[in-house]
Amino acid sequence: MKACSVRLCLVPLAIGLAALAGCGGSSGGGKVKEHAHARAIASLYFSATSALGGPPANEAAFKEQIANVKPDLSILDVGSIDELFVSDRDGQPLVINYGPAAKANGGIVVYEQTGKDGIRFVGNTSGQVQEADAALFAKLVPKPAAP
């Protein structure tokens, strides 16, 4: 690891996953809000960037870093890391910008391909996720990846 100990790199991840656990959901079973996958990916990306000394180069490197951290996936109601990479709203793979692509898109690291009801969740390098309609999405992600 570069520039940070494992303990310090896990702090943002722990905070992010704890916040997810506190998100309200339906009263049946404590399921977290629909943007949990996008938020988890943004938080894990932030953590991986800290641990690696830069953004993960590709999906394989990102998944390897997530596996090293061993997050409690049950909090997010998923059985595997691969399930996190799929939007829990539109069922499509999340678009993730690796390496220099995140900088090229203004720090946006994850977003939904379609979203729901004209709204997509968009996450940035600091781990924050926001809702974006078509106009805001066009401003936030000027060069969307081809699906």
C-alpha atoms as a PDB file:
ATOM      1  CA  MET A   1       0.000   0.000   0.000  1.00  0.00           C
ATOM      2  CA  LYS A   2       1.106   3.491  -0.724  1.00  0.00           C
ATOM      3  CA  ALA A   3       0.775   6.543   1.502  1.00  0.00           C
ATOM      4  CA  CYS A   4      -1.770   5.135   3.936  1.00  0.00           C
ATOM      5  CA  SER A   5      -2.148   2.257   6.294  1.00  0.00           C
ATOM      6  CA  VAL A   6      -4.929  -0.259   5.827  1.00  0.00           C
ATOM      7  CA  ARG A   7      -6.684   1.109   8.905  1.00  0.00           C
ATOM      8  CA  LEU A   8      -6.708   4.696   7.580  1.00  0.00           C
ATOM      9  CA  CYS A   9      -7.835   3.611   4.115  1.00  0.00           C
ATOM     10  CA  LEU A  10     -10.753   1.682   5.563  1.00  0.00           C
ATOM     11  CA  VAL A  11     -12.117   4.656   7.517  1.00  0.00           C
ATOM     12  CA  PRO A  12     -13.987   6.192   4.540  1.00  0.00           C
ATOM     13  CA  LEU A  13     -15.332   2.779   3.594  1.00  0.00           C
ATOM     14  CA  ALA A  14     -16.523   2.047   7.122  1.00  0.00           C
ATOM     15  CA  ILE A  15     -18.227   5.434   7.320  1.00  0.00           C
ATOM     16  CA  GLY A  16     -19.870   4.912   3.930  1.00  0.00           C
ATOM     17  CA  LEU A  17     -21.135   1.438   4.708  1.00  0.00           C
ATOM     18  CA  ALA A  18     -22.353   2.540   8.133  1.00  0.00           C
ATOM     19  CA  ALA A  19     -24.302   5.356   6.481  1.00  0.00           C
ATOM     20  CA  LEU A  20     -25.811   2.855   4.065  1.00  0.00           C
ATOM     21  CA  ALA A  21     -26.920   0.669   6.930  1.00  0.00           C
ATOM     22  CA  GLY A  22     -28.748   3.659   8.401  1.00  0.00           C
ATOM     23  CA  CYS A  23     -30.627   4.507   5.184  1.00  0.00           C
ATOM     24  CA  GLY A  24     -34.323   3.923   5.524  1.00  0.00           C
ATOM     25  CA  GLY A  25     -35.961   1.433   3.264  1.00  0.00           C
ATOM     26  CA  SER A  26     -39.197  -0.423   3.128  1.00  0.00           C
ATOM     27  CA  SER A  27     -40.474  -1.699   6.414  1.00  0.00           C
ATOM     28  CA  GLY A  28     -40.086  -5.280   5.193  1.00  0.00           C
ATOM     29  CA  GLY A  29     -36.672  -6.601   6.175  1.00  0.00           C
ATOM     30  CA  GLY A  30     -34.644  -3.392   6.469  1.00  0.00           C
ATOM     31  CA  LYS A  31     -33.608  -3.238   2.784  1.00  0.00           C
ATOM     32  CA  VAL A  32     -31.511  -0.133   2.130  1.00  0.00           C
ATOM     33  CA  LYS A  33     -32.402   2.668  -0.269  1.00  0.00           C
ATOM     34  CA  GLU A  34     -32.302   1.955  -3.979  1.00  0.00           C
ATOM     35  CA  HIS A  35     -29.071   3.866  -4.571  1.00  0.00           C
ATOM     36  CA  ALA A  36     -27.128   1.578  -2.257  1.00  0.00           C
ATOM     37  CA  HIS A  37     -25.127  -0.045  -5.059  1.00  0.00           C
ATOM     38  CA  ALA A  38     -24.092   3.248  -6.652  1.00  0.00           C
ATOM     39  CA  ARG A  39     -23.234   4.677  -3.221  1.00  0.00           C
ATOM     40  CA  ALA A  40     -21.273   1.557  -2.229  1.00  0.00           C
ATOM     41  CA  ILE A  41     -19.311   1.592  -5.497  1.00  0.00           C
ATOM     42  CA  ALA A  42     -18.505   5.307  -5.071  1.00  0.00           C
ATOM     43  CA  SER A  43     -17.367   4.720  -1.484  1.00  0.00           C
ATOM     44  CA  LEU A  44     -15.354   1.622  -2.393  1.00  0.00           C
ATOM     45  CA  TYR A  45     -13.770   3.481  -5.330  1.00  0.00           C
ATOM     46  CA  PHE A  46     -12.713   6.278  -2.969  1.00  0.00           C
ATOM     47  CA  SER A  47     -11.252   3.705  -0.580  1.00  0.00           C
ATOM     48  CA  ALA A  48      -9.473   1.839  -3.398  1.00  0.00           C
ATOM     49  CA  THR A  49      -7.996   5.079  -4.724  1.00  0.00           C
ATOM     50  CA  SER A  50      -6.626   5.856  -1.265  1.00  0.00           C
ATOM     51  CA  ALA A  51      -5.204   2.360  -0.829  1.00  0.00           C
ATOM     52  CA  LEU A  52      -3.681   2.159  -4.300  1.00  0.00           C
ATOM     53  CA  GLY A  53      -2.327   5.703  -4.395  1.00  0.00           C
ATOM     54  CA  GLY A  54      -4.473   6.385  -7.451  1.00  0.00           C
ATOM     55  CA  PRO A  55      -7.667   5.188  -9.088  1.00  0.00           C
ATOM     56  CA  PRO A  56      -7.990   1.500  -9.953  1.00  0.00           C
ATOM     57  CA  ALA A  57      -6.825   0.873 -13.519  1.00  0.00           C
ATOM     58  CA  ASN A  58      -9.682  -1.449 -14.472  1.00  0.00           C
ATOM     59  CA  GLU A  59     -12.545  -3.562 -13.151  1.00  0.00           C
ATOM     60  CA  ALA A  60     -10.297  -6.484 -12.210  1.00  0.00           C
ATOM     61  CA  ALA A  61      -8.005  -4.269 -10.098  1.00  0.00           C
ATOM     62  CA  PHE A  62     -11.034  -2.636  -8.460  1.00  0.00           C
ATOM     63  CA  LYS A  63     -12.670  -5.968  -7.599  1.00  0.00           C
ATOM     64  CA  GLU A  64      -9.364  -7.277  -6.245  1.00  0.00           C
ATOM     65  CA  GLN A  65      -9.082  -4.245  -3.961  1.00  0.00           C
ATOM     66  CA  ILE A  66     -12.684  -4.697  -2.784  1.00  0.00           C
ATOM     67  CA  ALA A  67     -11.992  -8.373  -2.060  1.00  0.00           C
ATOM     68  CA  ASN A  68      -8.944  -7.361   0.004  1.00  0.00           C
ATOM     69  CA  VAL A  69     -11.100  -5.042   2.114  1.00  0.00           C
ATOM     70  CA  LYS A  70     -13.766  -7.737   2.641  1.00  0.00           C
ATOM     71  CA  PRO A  71     -16.776  -5.443   3.147  1.00  0.00           C
ATOM     72  CA  ASP A  72     -19.894  -6.827   4.825  1.00  0.00           C
ATOM     73  CA  LEU A  73     -22.008  -7.354   1.720  1.00  0.00           C
ATOM     74  CA  SER A  74     -25.010  -8.448   3.753  1.00  0.00           C
ATOM     75  CA  ILE A  75     -25.517  -4.791   4.726  1.00  0.00           C
ATOM     76  CA  LEU A  76     -26.258  -4.125   1.066  1.00  0.00           C
ATOM     77  CA  ASP A  77     -28.367  -7.246   0.621  1.00  0.00           C
ATOM     78  CA  VAL A  78     -26.019  -8.731  -2.002  1.00  0.00           C
ATOM     79  CA  GLY A  79     -24.296 -12.090  -2.058  1.00  0.00           C
ATOM     80  CA  SER A  80     -21.220 -11.157  -4.090  1.00  0.00           C
ATOM     81  CA  ILE A  81     -19.035  -8.281  -5.173  1.00  0.00           C
ATOM     82  CA  ASP A  82     -20.266  -8.756  -8.745  1.00  0.00           C
ATOM     83  CA  GLU A  83     -23.835  -7.941  -7.644  1.00  0.00           C
ATOM     84  CA  LEU A  84     -22.653  -4.509  -6.455  1.00  0.00           C
ATOM     85  CA  PHE A  85     -21.686  -3.652 -10.030  1.00  0.00           C
ATOM     86  CA  VAL A  86     -25.340  -3.813 -11.151  1.00  0.00           C
ATOM     87  CA  SER A  87     -27.826  -1.005 -10.492  1.00  0.00           C
ATOM     88  CA  ASP A  88     -30.471  -2.009  -8.009  1.00  0.00           C
ATOM     89  CA  ARG A  89     -32.891   0.333  -9.825  1.00  0.00           C
ATOM     90  CA  ASP A  90     -32.579  -0.446 -13.535  1.00  0.00           C
ATOM     91  CA  GLY A  91     -30.909  -3.876 -13.333  1.00  0.00           C
ATOM     92  CA  GLN A  92     -28.142  -2.818 -15.738  1.00  0.00           C
ATOM     93  CA  PRO A  93     -24.410  -2.834 -15.035  1.00  0.00           C
ATOM     94  CA  LEU A  94     -23.241   0.409 -13.453  1.00  0.00           C
ATOM     95  CA  VAL A  95     -20.892   2.467 -15.612  1.00  0.00           C
ATOM     96  CA  ILE A  96     -17.589   2.918 -13.804  1.00  0.00           C
ATOM     97  CA  ASN A  97     -14.786   5.214 -14.948  1.00  0.00           C
ATOM     98  CA  TYR A  98     -11.372   3.745 -14.204  1.00  0.00           C
ATOM     99  CA  GLY A  99      -8.007   5.470 -14.101  1.00  0.00           C
ATOM    100  CA  PRO A 100      -7.780   8.698 -16.116  1.00  0.00           C
ATOM    101  CA  ALA A 101     -11.403   8.388 -17.312  1.00  0.00           C
ATOM    102  CA  ALA A 102     -12.651   9.595 -13.911  1.00  0.00           C
ATOM    103  CA  LYS A 103     -10.701  12.843 -14.289  1.00  0.00           C
ATOM    104  CA  ALA A 104     -11.891  13.211 -17.889  1.00  0.00           C
ATOM    105  CA  ASN A 105     -15.470  13.128 -16.607  1.00  0.00           C
ATOM    106  CA  GLY A 106     -15.022  15.723 -13.881  1.00  0.00           C
ATOM    107  CA  GLY A 107     -14.455  13.250 -11.071  1.00  0.00           C
ATOM    108  CA  ILE A 108     -17.518  11.133 -11.849  1.00  0.00           C
ATOM    109  CA  VAL A 109     -16.662   7.510 -11.121  1.00  0.00           C
ATOM    110  CA  VAL A 110     -20.010   5.708 -11.291  1.00  0.00           C
ATOM    111  CA  TYR A 111     -23.442   6.230 -12.803  1.00  0.00           C
ATOM    112  CA  GLU A 112     -26.508   4.310 -13.843  1.00  0.00           C
ATOM    113  CA  GLN A 113     -27.054   3.566 -17.528  1.00  0.00           C
ATOM    114  CA  THR A 114     -30.786   4.284 -17.417  1.00  0.00           C
ATOM    115  CA  GLY A 115     -31.878   4.932 -13.847  1.00  0.00           C
ATOM    116  CA  LYS A 116     -35.536   5.178 -12.928  1.00  0.00           C
ATOM    117  CA  ASP A 117     -38.223   7.646 -13.974  1.00  0.00           C
ATOM    118  CA  GLY A 118     -35.700   9.822 -15.838  1.00  0.00           C
ATOM    119  CA  ILE A 119     -33.355  10.077 -12.839  1.00  0.00           C
ATOM    120  CA  ARG A 120     -29.902   8.496 -12.641  1.00  0.00           C
ATOM    121  CA  PHE A 121     -27.643   8.175  -9.633  1.00  0.00           C
ATOM    122  CA  VAL A 122     -24.179   9.623 -10.230  1.00  0.00           C
ATOM    123  CA  GLY A 123     -21.216   9.151  -7.840  1.00  0.00           C
ATOM    124  CA  ASN A 124     -17.982  11.106  -7.719  1.00  0.00           C
ATOM    125  CA  THR A 125     -14.418  10.511  -6.530  1.00  0.00           C
ATOM    126  CA  SER A 126     -15.196  11.707  -3.009  1.00  0.00           C
ATOM    127  CA  GLY A 127     -17.809   8.973  -2.585  1.00  0.00           C
ATOM    128  CA  GLN A 128     -20.860  11.235  -2.850  1.00  0.00           C
ATOM    129  CA  VAL A 129     -23.891  10.206  -4.908  1.00  0.00           C
ATOM    130  CA  GLN A 130     -26.563  12.508  -6.266  1.00  0.00           C
ATOM    131  CA  GLU A 131     -29.690  12.229  -8.363  1.00  0.00           C
ATOM    132  CA  ALA A 132     -29.442  13.660 -11.866  1.00  0.00           C
ATOM    133  CA  ASP A 133     -32.141  14.311 -14.430  1.00  0.00           C
ATOM    134  CA  ALA A 134     -31.144  14.391 -18.121  1.00  0.00           C
ATOM    135  CA  ALA A 135     -30.009  18.028 -18.058  1.00  0.00           C
ATOM    136  CA  LEU A 136     -27.884  17.669 -14.915  1.00  0.00           C
ATOM    137  CA  PHE A 137     -26.498  14.341 -16.124  1.00  0.00           C
ATOM    138  CA  ALA A 138     -25.340  16.006 -19.370  1.00  0.00           C
ATOM    139  CA  LYS A 139     -23.457  18.595 -17.281  1.00  0.00           C
ATOM    140  CA  LEU A 140     -21.980  16.076 -14.840  1.00  0.00           C
ATOM    141  CA  VAL A 141     -21.019  13.446 -17.425  1.00  0.00           C
ATOM    142  CA  PRO A 142     -20.137  15.278 -20.644  1.00  0.00           C
ATOM    143  CA  LYS A 143     -18.565  12.168 -22.202  1.00  0.00           C
ATOM    144  CA  PRO A 144     -20.673   9.161 -21.160  1.00  0.00           C
ATOM    145  CA  ALA A 145     -19.259   5.748 -21.944  1.00  0.00           C
ATOM    146  CA  ALA A 146     -20.955   3.724 -24.634  1.00  0.00           C
ATOM    147  CA  PRO A 147     -22.968   0.913 -22.989  1.00  0.00           C
END
